[in-house]
N, C-alpha and C. Protein backbone atom coordinates (compact mmCIF):
# COMPACT_ATOMS: atom_id res chain seq x y z
N MET A 1 6.06 2.61 9.28
CA MET A 1 4.92 2.07 10.00
C MET A 1 3.82 1.72 9.00
N ARG A 2 3.19 0.57 9.18
CA ARG A 2 2.13 0.13 8.29
C ARG A 2 0.80 0.79 8.66
N PRO A 3 -0.15 0.83 7.71
CA PRO A 3 -1.42 1.52 7.97
C PRO A 3 -2.12 1.09 9.26
N PRO A 4 -2.27 -0.22 9.56
CA PRO A 4 -2.98 -0.55 10.81
C PRO A 4 -2.30 0.04 12.05
N ALA A 5 -0.98 -0.01 12.09
CA ALA A 5 -0.27 0.56 13.24
C ALA A 5 -0.45 2.07 13.30
N THR A 6 -0.44 2.71 12.16
CA THR A 6 -0.63 4.17 12.10
C THR A 6 -2.04 4.53 12.59
N ILE A 7 -3.03 3.78 12.16
CA ILE A 7 -4.41 4.03 12.59
C ILE A 7 -4.54 3.86 14.10
N VAL A 8 -3.99 2.78 14.63
CA VAL A 8 -4.07 2.53 16.07
C VAL A 8 -3.34 3.63 16.84
N GLU A 9 -2.15 3.98 16.39
CA GLU A 9 -1.36 5.01 17.09
C GLU A 9 -2.11 6.34 17.15
N HIS A 10 -2.63 6.77 16.03
CA HIS A 10 -3.29 8.08 15.99
C HIS A 10 -4.65 8.06 16.67
N THR A 11 -5.34 6.95 16.61
CA THR A 11 -6.61 6.85 17.32
C THR A 11 -6.37 6.89 18.82
N ALA A 12 -5.29 6.29 19.28
CA ALA A 12 -4.97 6.32 20.71
C ALA A 12 -4.67 7.74 21.20
N ARG A 13 -4.21 8.61 20.29
CA ARG A 13 -3.90 10.00 20.67
C ARG A 13 -5.06 10.95 20.40
N MET A 14 -6.20 10.42 20.01
CA MET A 14 -7.36 11.23 19.66
C MET A 14 -7.85 12.02 20.87
N PRO A 15 -8.06 13.33 20.69
CA PRO A 15 -8.62 14.12 21.79
C PRO A 15 -10.03 13.63 22.13
N GLN A 16 -10.35 13.65 23.37
CA GLN A 16 -11.64 13.13 23.85
C GLN A 16 -12.55 14.29 24.23
N PRO A 17 -13.83 14.13 24.36
CA PRO A 17 -14.59 12.90 24.23
C PRO A 17 -15.35 12.77 22.92
N PHE A 18 -15.28 13.76 22.01
CA PHE A 18 -16.18 13.76 20.86
C PHE A 18 -15.55 13.33 19.54
N SER A 19 -14.25 13.44 19.41
CA SER A 19 -13.61 13.08 18.14
C SER A 19 -13.69 11.59 17.91
N ILE A 20 -13.70 11.19 16.64
CA ILE A 20 -13.82 9.77 16.31
C ILE A 20 -12.94 9.43 15.11
N THR A 21 -12.62 8.15 15.01
CA THR A 21 -11.99 7.60 13.83
C THR A 21 -12.99 6.62 13.22
N VAL A 22 -13.23 6.74 11.95
CA VAL A 22 -14.17 5.85 11.24
C VAL A 22 -13.38 5.06 10.21
N LEU A 23 -13.56 3.75 10.21
CA LEU A 23 -12.99 2.88 9.19
C LEU A 23 -14.15 2.27 8.42
N GLU A 24 -14.13 2.47 7.11
CA GLU A 24 -15.23 2.03 6.26
C GLU A 24 -14.68 1.10 5.18
N PRO A 25 -15.16 -0.14 5.14
CA PRO A 25 -14.66 -1.04 4.10
C PRO A 25 -15.09 -0.55 2.72
N GLY A 26 -14.24 -0.78 1.75
CA GLY A 26 -14.54 -0.39 0.38
C GLY A 26 -14.35 -1.59 -0.54
N GLY A 27 -14.09 -1.30 -1.80
CA GLY A 27 -13.90 -2.38 -2.76
C GLY A 27 -15.17 -3.17 -2.93
N ARG A 28 -15.05 -4.46 -3.01
CA ARG A 28 -16.16 -5.39 -3.17
C ARG A 28 -17.16 -4.91 -4.22
N ALA A 29 -18.46 -4.97 -3.92
CA ALA A 29 -19.49 -4.63 -4.92
C ALA A 29 -19.37 -3.18 -5.38
N ILE A 30 -19.09 -2.27 -4.45
CA ILE A 30 -18.98 -0.86 -4.84
C ILE A 30 -17.82 -0.64 -5.80
N GLY A 31 -16.79 -1.46 -5.68
CA GLY A 31 -15.63 -1.35 -6.55
C GLY A 31 -15.81 -1.96 -7.92
N ARG A 32 -16.87 -2.71 -8.11
CA ARG A 32 -17.12 -3.35 -9.41
C ARG A 32 -17.68 -2.37 -10.44
N MET A 33 -18.21 -1.26 -9.97
CA MET A 33 -18.75 -0.26 -10.90
C MET A 33 -17.60 0.58 -11.42
N ASP A 34 -17.63 0.88 -12.69
CA ASP A 34 -16.59 1.69 -13.30
C ASP A 34 -16.57 3.07 -12.66
N ASP A 35 -15.39 3.54 -12.33
CA ASP A 35 -15.22 4.82 -11.66
C ASP A 35 -15.86 5.97 -12.44
N ALA A 36 -15.85 5.89 -13.76
CA ALA A 36 -16.42 6.96 -14.58
C ALA A 36 -17.95 6.98 -14.57
N ASP A 37 -18.58 5.91 -14.06
CA ASP A 37 -20.04 5.82 -14.10
C ASP A 37 -20.75 6.57 -12.98
N THR A 38 -20.03 7.00 -11.96
CA THR A 38 -20.64 7.71 -10.84
C THR A 38 -19.77 8.89 -10.44
N PRO A 39 -20.33 9.88 -9.76
CA PRO A 39 -19.52 11.02 -9.32
C PRO A 39 -18.49 10.63 -8.25
N ILE A 40 -18.82 9.65 -7.42
CA ILE A 40 -17.93 9.26 -6.32
C ILE A 40 -16.80 8.41 -6.87
N GLY A 41 -15.59 8.86 -6.64
CA GLY A 41 -14.42 8.18 -7.17
C GLY A 41 -13.77 7.24 -6.16
N HIS A 42 -12.66 6.67 -6.57
CA HIS A 42 -11.85 5.78 -5.73
C HIS A 42 -12.69 4.62 -5.19
N ARG A 43 -13.53 4.08 -6.06
CA ARG A 43 -14.45 3.02 -5.65
C ARG A 43 -13.72 1.71 -5.36
N ASP A 44 -12.50 1.57 -5.83
CA ASP A 44 -11.77 0.33 -5.63
C ASP A 44 -10.94 0.31 -4.35
N ALA A 45 -10.95 1.38 -3.57
CA ALA A 45 -10.17 1.42 -2.34
C ALA A 45 -10.66 0.35 -1.37
N ASP A 46 -9.74 -0.38 -0.76
CA ASP A 46 -10.11 -1.43 0.18
C ASP A 46 -10.67 -0.86 1.48
N LEU A 47 -10.22 0.33 1.83
CA LEU A 47 -10.62 0.92 3.11
C LEU A 47 -10.66 2.43 2.98
N ARG A 48 -11.65 3.02 3.60
CA ARG A 48 -11.71 4.48 3.73
C ARG A 48 -11.58 4.78 5.22
N TYR A 49 -10.89 5.84 5.53
CA TYR A 49 -10.74 6.22 6.93
C TYR A 49 -11.04 7.70 7.06
N TYR A 50 -11.57 8.04 8.22
CA TYR A 50 -11.91 9.43 8.50
C TYR A 50 -11.48 9.74 9.92
N ALA A 51 -10.77 10.82 10.09
CA ALA A 51 -10.45 11.35 11.41
C ALA A 51 -11.36 12.55 11.59
N ILE A 52 -12.35 12.40 12.44
CA ILE A 52 -13.36 13.44 12.60
C ILE A 52 -13.15 14.12 13.95
N ALA A 53 -12.72 15.36 13.90
CA ALA A 53 -12.44 16.13 15.10
C ALA A 53 -13.67 16.95 15.50
N GLU A 54 -14.10 16.76 16.74
CA GLU A 54 -15.25 17.50 17.26
C GLU A 54 -14.93 17.95 18.68
N TRP A 55 -15.37 19.15 19.03
CA TRP A 55 -15.09 19.69 20.35
C TRP A 55 -16.15 20.71 20.71
N GLU A 56 -16.23 21.01 21.99
CA GLU A 56 -17.15 22.04 22.47
C GLU A 56 -16.40 23.31 22.87
N ASP A 57 -15.30 23.15 23.54
CA ASP A 57 -14.55 24.27 24.09
C ASP A 57 -13.68 24.91 23.00
N PRO A 58 -13.91 26.18 22.66
CA PRO A 58 -13.11 26.83 21.63
C PRO A 58 -11.60 26.79 21.90
N GLU A 59 -11.23 26.70 23.17
CA GLU A 59 -9.81 26.62 23.53
C GLU A 59 -9.15 25.33 23.02
N GLU A 60 -9.97 24.32 22.72
CA GLU A 60 -9.45 23.02 22.28
C GLU A 60 -9.36 22.88 20.76
N MET A 61 -9.78 23.90 20.04
CA MET A 61 -9.83 23.82 18.59
C MET A 61 -8.50 23.41 17.97
N ASP A 62 -7.42 24.06 18.32
CA ASP A 62 -6.13 23.76 17.71
C ASP A 62 -5.70 22.32 17.97
N ALA A 63 -5.94 21.81 19.17
CA ALA A 63 -5.56 20.43 19.50
C ALA A 63 -6.33 19.43 18.63
N HIS A 64 -7.61 19.65 18.47
CA HIS A 64 -8.44 18.73 17.69
C HIS A 64 -8.10 18.79 16.20
N ILE A 65 -8.01 19.99 15.67
CA ILE A 65 -7.66 20.12 14.25
C ILE A 65 -6.26 19.58 14.01
N GLY A 66 -5.35 19.86 14.91
CA GLY A 66 -3.98 19.34 14.79
C GLY A 66 -3.95 17.83 14.77
N TRP A 67 -4.75 17.19 15.64
CA TRP A 67 -4.80 15.73 15.66
C TRP A 67 -5.28 15.18 14.31
N ALA A 68 -6.35 15.74 13.77
CA ALA A 68 -6.88 15.26 12.50
C ALA A 68 -5.87 15.46 11.37
N ARG A 69 -5.24 16.61 11.33
CA ARG A 69 -4.24 16.86 10.28
C ARG A 69 -3.04 15.95 10.41
N ASP A 70 -2.59 15.70 11.64
CA ASP A 70 -1.47 14.77 11.86
C ASP A 70 -1.83 13.36 11.40
N PHE A 71 -3.06 12.94 11.70
CA PHE A 71 -3.53 11.62 11.29
C PHE A 71 -3.48 11.50 9.77
N TYR A 72 -4.06 12.47 9.08
CA TYR A 72 -4.07 12.42 7.62
C TYR A 72 -2.67 12.48 7.03
N ALA A 73 -1.81 13.26 7.62
CA ALA A 73 -0.41 13.34 7.14
C ALA A 73 0.29 12.00 7.31
N ALA A 74 0.06 11.32 8.43
CA ALA A 74 0.69 10.02 8.67
C ALA A 74 0.15 8.96 7.73
N MET A 75 -1.11 9.08 7.31
CA MET A 75 -1.71 8.09 6.42
C MET A 75 -1.48 8.38 4.94
N GLU A 76 -0.95 9.55 4.63
CA GLU A 76 -0.78 9.95 3.23
C GLU A 76 -0.01 8.94 2.39
N PRO A 77 1.07 8.32 2.90
CA PRO A 77 1.79 7.35 2.07
C PRO A 77 0.95 6.13 1.67
N TYR A 78 -0.11 5.88 2.40
CA TYR A 78 -0.95 4.70 2.14
C TYR A 78 -2.26 5.06 1.45
N SER A 79 -2.43 6.31 1.09
CA SER A 79 -3.73 6.82 0.65
C SER A 79 -3.72 7.24 -0.81
N SER A 80 -4.92 7.22 -1.39
CA SER A 80 -5.10 7.82 -2.71
C SER A 80 -5.21 9.32 -2.51
N SER A 81 -5.30 10.05 -3.58
CA SER A 81 -5.40 11.50 -3.47
C SER A 81 -6.84 11.96 -3.29
N GLY A 82 -7.76 11.04 -3.19
CA GLY A 82 -9.17 11.42 -3.18
C GLY A 82 -9.73 11.66 -1.81
N ILE A 83 -10.88 12.27 -1.79
CA ILE A 83 -11.65 12.50 -0.57
C ILE A 83 -13.11 12.31 -0.93
N GLN A 84 -13.87 11.76 0.00
CA GLN A 84 -15.30 11.62 -0.23
C GLN A 84 -15.95 12.98 -0.01
N VAL A 85 -16.75 13.42 -0.94
CA VAL A 85 -17.31 14.77 -0.91
C VAL A 85 -18.13 15.03 0.33
N ASN A 86 -18.81 14.02 0.87
CA ASN A 86 -19.64 14.23 2.06
C ASN A 86 -18.81 14.55 3.29
N PHE A 87 -17.52 14.27 3.26
CA PHE A 87 -16.66 14.53 4.41
C PHE A 87 -15.74 15.72 4.17
N ALA A 88 -15.88 16.38 3.05
CA ALA A 88 -15.04 17.54 2.76
C ALA A 88 -15.56 18.76 3.51
N THR A 89 -14.65 19.53 4.04
CA THR A 89 -15.03 20.77 4.69
C THR A 89 -14.47 21.92 3.87
N GLU A 90 -14.99 23.09 4.10
CA GLU A 90 -14.53 24.28 3.39
C GLU A 90 -14.51 24.04 1.88
N VAL A 91 -15.65 23.59 1.35
CA VAL A 91 -15.72 23.29 -0.08
C VAL A 91 -16.11 24.53 -0.86
N ASP A 92 -15.39 24.77 -1.92
CA ASP A 92 -15.73 25.79 -2.89
C ASP A 92 -15.61 25.14 -4.26
N ASP A 93 -15.87 25.89 -5.30
CA ASP A 93 -15.84 25.31 -6.64
C ASP A 93 -14.50 24.64 -6.96
N ASP A 94 -13.41 25.30 -6.62
CA ASP A 94 -12.09 24.72 -6.93
C ASP A 94 -11.86 23.40 -6.21
N ARG A 95 -12.23 23.34 -4.93
CA ARG A 95 -12.05 22.09 -4.17
C ARG A 95 -12.95 21.00 -4.73
N LEU A 96 -14.19 21.33 -5.06
CA LEU A 96 -15.10 20.33 -5.62
C LEU A 96 -14.59 19.82 -6.97
N LYS A 97 -14.04 20.70 -7.78
CA LYS A 97 -13.47 20.26 -9.06
C LYS A 97 -12.34 19.27 -8.84
N ARG A 98 -11.52 19.50 -7.83
CA ARG A 98 -10.42 18.56 -7.53
C ARG A 98 -10.97 17.24 -7.02
N ILE A 99 -12.01 17.29 -6.19
CA ILE A 99 -12.60 16.06 -5.64
C ILE A 99 -13.18 15.20 -6.76
N TYR A 100 -13.98 15.80 -7.62
CA TYR A 100 -14.65 15.05 -8.68
C TYR A 100 -13.78 14.80 -9.90
N GLY A 101 -12.86 15.69 -10.18
CA GLY A 101 -12.11 15.64 -11.43
C GLY A 101 -12.85 16.46 -12.47
N GLU A 102 -12.11 17.00 -13.41
CA GLU A 102 -12.67 17.94 -14.39
C GLU A 102 -13.81 17.32 -15.21
N GLU A 103 -13.63 16.09 -15.69
CA GLU A 103 -14.65 15.47 -16.54
C GLU A 103 -15.96 15.25 -15.77
N LYS A 104 -15.87 14.70 -14.57
CA LYS A 104 -17.08 14.49 -13.77
C LYS A 104 -17.72 15.82 -13.38
N TRP A 105 -16.88 16.79 -13.04
CA TRP A 105 -17.40 18.12 -12.69
C TRP A 105 -18.25 18.69 -13.82
N GLU A 106 -17.74 18.62 -15.04
CA GLU A 106 -18.49 19.15 -16.18
C GLU A 106 -19.81 18.41 -16.38
N ARG A 107 -19.80 17.10 -16.19
CA ARG A 107 -21.04 16.32 -16.30
C ARG A 107 -22.03 16.72 -15.21
N LEU A 108 -21.54 16.94 -13.98
CA LEU A 108 -22.42 17.33 -12.87
C LEU A 108 -23.00 18.72 -13.08
N VAL A 109 -22.22 19.64 -13.60
CA VAL A 109 -22.74 20.98 -13.90
C VAL A 109 -23.82 20.88 -14.98
N ALA A 110 -23.60 20.06 -15.98
CA ALA A 110 -24.61 19.88 -17.03
C ALA A 110 -25.91 19.31 -16.44
N LEU A 111 -25.79 18.36 -15.51
CA LEU A 111 -26.98 17.83 -14.85
C LEU A 111 -27.68 18.90 -14.01
N LYS A 112 -26.88 19.70 -13.32
CA LYS A 112 -27.45 20.78 -12.51
C LYS A 112 -28.17 21.78 -13.41
N ASP A 113 -27.57 22.11 -14.54
CA ASP A 113 -28.21 23.03 -15.48
C ASP A 113 -29.55 22.49 -15.95
N GLU A 114 -29.62 21.20 -16.19
CA GLU A 114 -30.85 20.59 -16.70
C GLU A 114 -31.91 20.43 -15.62
N TRP A 115 -31.53 19.93 -14.42
CA TRP A 115 -32.50 19.53 -13.42
C TRP A 115 -32.70 20.54 -12.29
N ASP A 116 -31.75 21.43 -12.08
CA ASP A 116 -31.87 22.40 -10.99
C ASP A 116 -31.24 23.74 -11.38
N PRO A 117 -31.73 24.34 -12.47
CA PRO A 117 -31.11 25.57 -12.96
C PRO A 117 -31.23 26.74 -12.00
N ASP A 118 -32.21 26.71 -11.09
CA ASP A 118 -32.37 27.78 -10.11
C ASP A 118 -31.60 27.51 -8.82
N ASN A 119 -30.87 26.40 -8.78
CA ASN A 119 -30.02 26.05 -7.63
C ASN A 119 -30.83 25.94 -6.33
N LEU A 120 -32.01 25.35 -6.43
CA LEU A 120 -32.84 25.13 -5.25
C LEU A 120 -32.13 24.22 -4.25
N PHE A 121 -31.50 23.17 -4.73
CA PHE A 121 -30.80 22.22 -3.87
C PHE A 121 -29.35 22.70 -3.71
N ASN A 122 -29.13 23.51 -2.68
CA ASN A 122 -27.82 24.13 -2.53
C ASN A 122 -27.24 24.02 -1.12
N LEU A 123 -27.88 23.29 -0.24
CA LEU A 123 -27.41 23.20 1.14
C LEU A 123 -26.52 21.96 1.32
N ASN A 124 -25.56 21.83 0.46
CA ASN A 124 -24.64 20.71 0.48
C ASN A 124 -23.33 21.19 -0.11
N ALA A 125 -22.45 20.26 -0.46
CA ALA A 125 -21.26 20.63 -1.21
C ALA A 125 -21.77 20.97 -2.60
N ASN A 126 -22.20 22.18 -2.77
CA ASN A 126 -23.03 22.59 -3.90
C ASN A 126 -22.27 22.72 -5.21
N ILE A 127 -22.85 22.10 -6.22
CA ILE A 127 -22.42 22.30 -7.60
C ILE A 127 -23.41 23.31 -8.17
N LYS A 128 -22.89 24.46 -8.52
CA LYS A 128 -23.76 25.53 -9.00
C LYS A 128 -24.05 25.34 -10.48
N PRO A 129 -25.24 25.78 -10.92
CA PRO A 129 -25.50 25.77 -12.36
C PRO A 129 -24.52 26.72 -13.05
N SER A 130 -24.32 26.51 -14.32
CA SER A 130 -23.30 27.30 -15.03
C SER A 130 -23.66 28.78 -15.12
N ARG A 131 -24.91 29.14 -15.00
CA ARG A 131 -25.28 30.55 -15.09
C ARG A 131 -25.15 31.26 -13.75
N ASP A 132 -24.86 30.56 -12.69
CA ASP A 132 -24.73 31.17 -11.35
C ASP A 132 -23.46 31.96 -11.22
């Protein structure tokens, strides 16, 4: 199955009413910048997709998470290995290192050491200063 058919199929099976599928165009101007010049990778991807599972009833948790995982598994053959950090959940240092890559991670830690050594800005997918 090709990516558009996979996207349509899985979006049609999306649990309602809060979950969403987001398609974000990529490439173009954002792809003209060298990947090494910014922390965000995979800048040349033509399309980014997100299966965002949201629910109110705790009884529905497994269905929603299962739908999102099935969607990502079905899209894996058409996908890069990357993830946008703003959409990552359950982030810890190891996951962030995989998202950014070792070289970018080291550069970001060095920036954190210089500009935010006390880790004031930490309510995000946090890169901790090296002394933390």
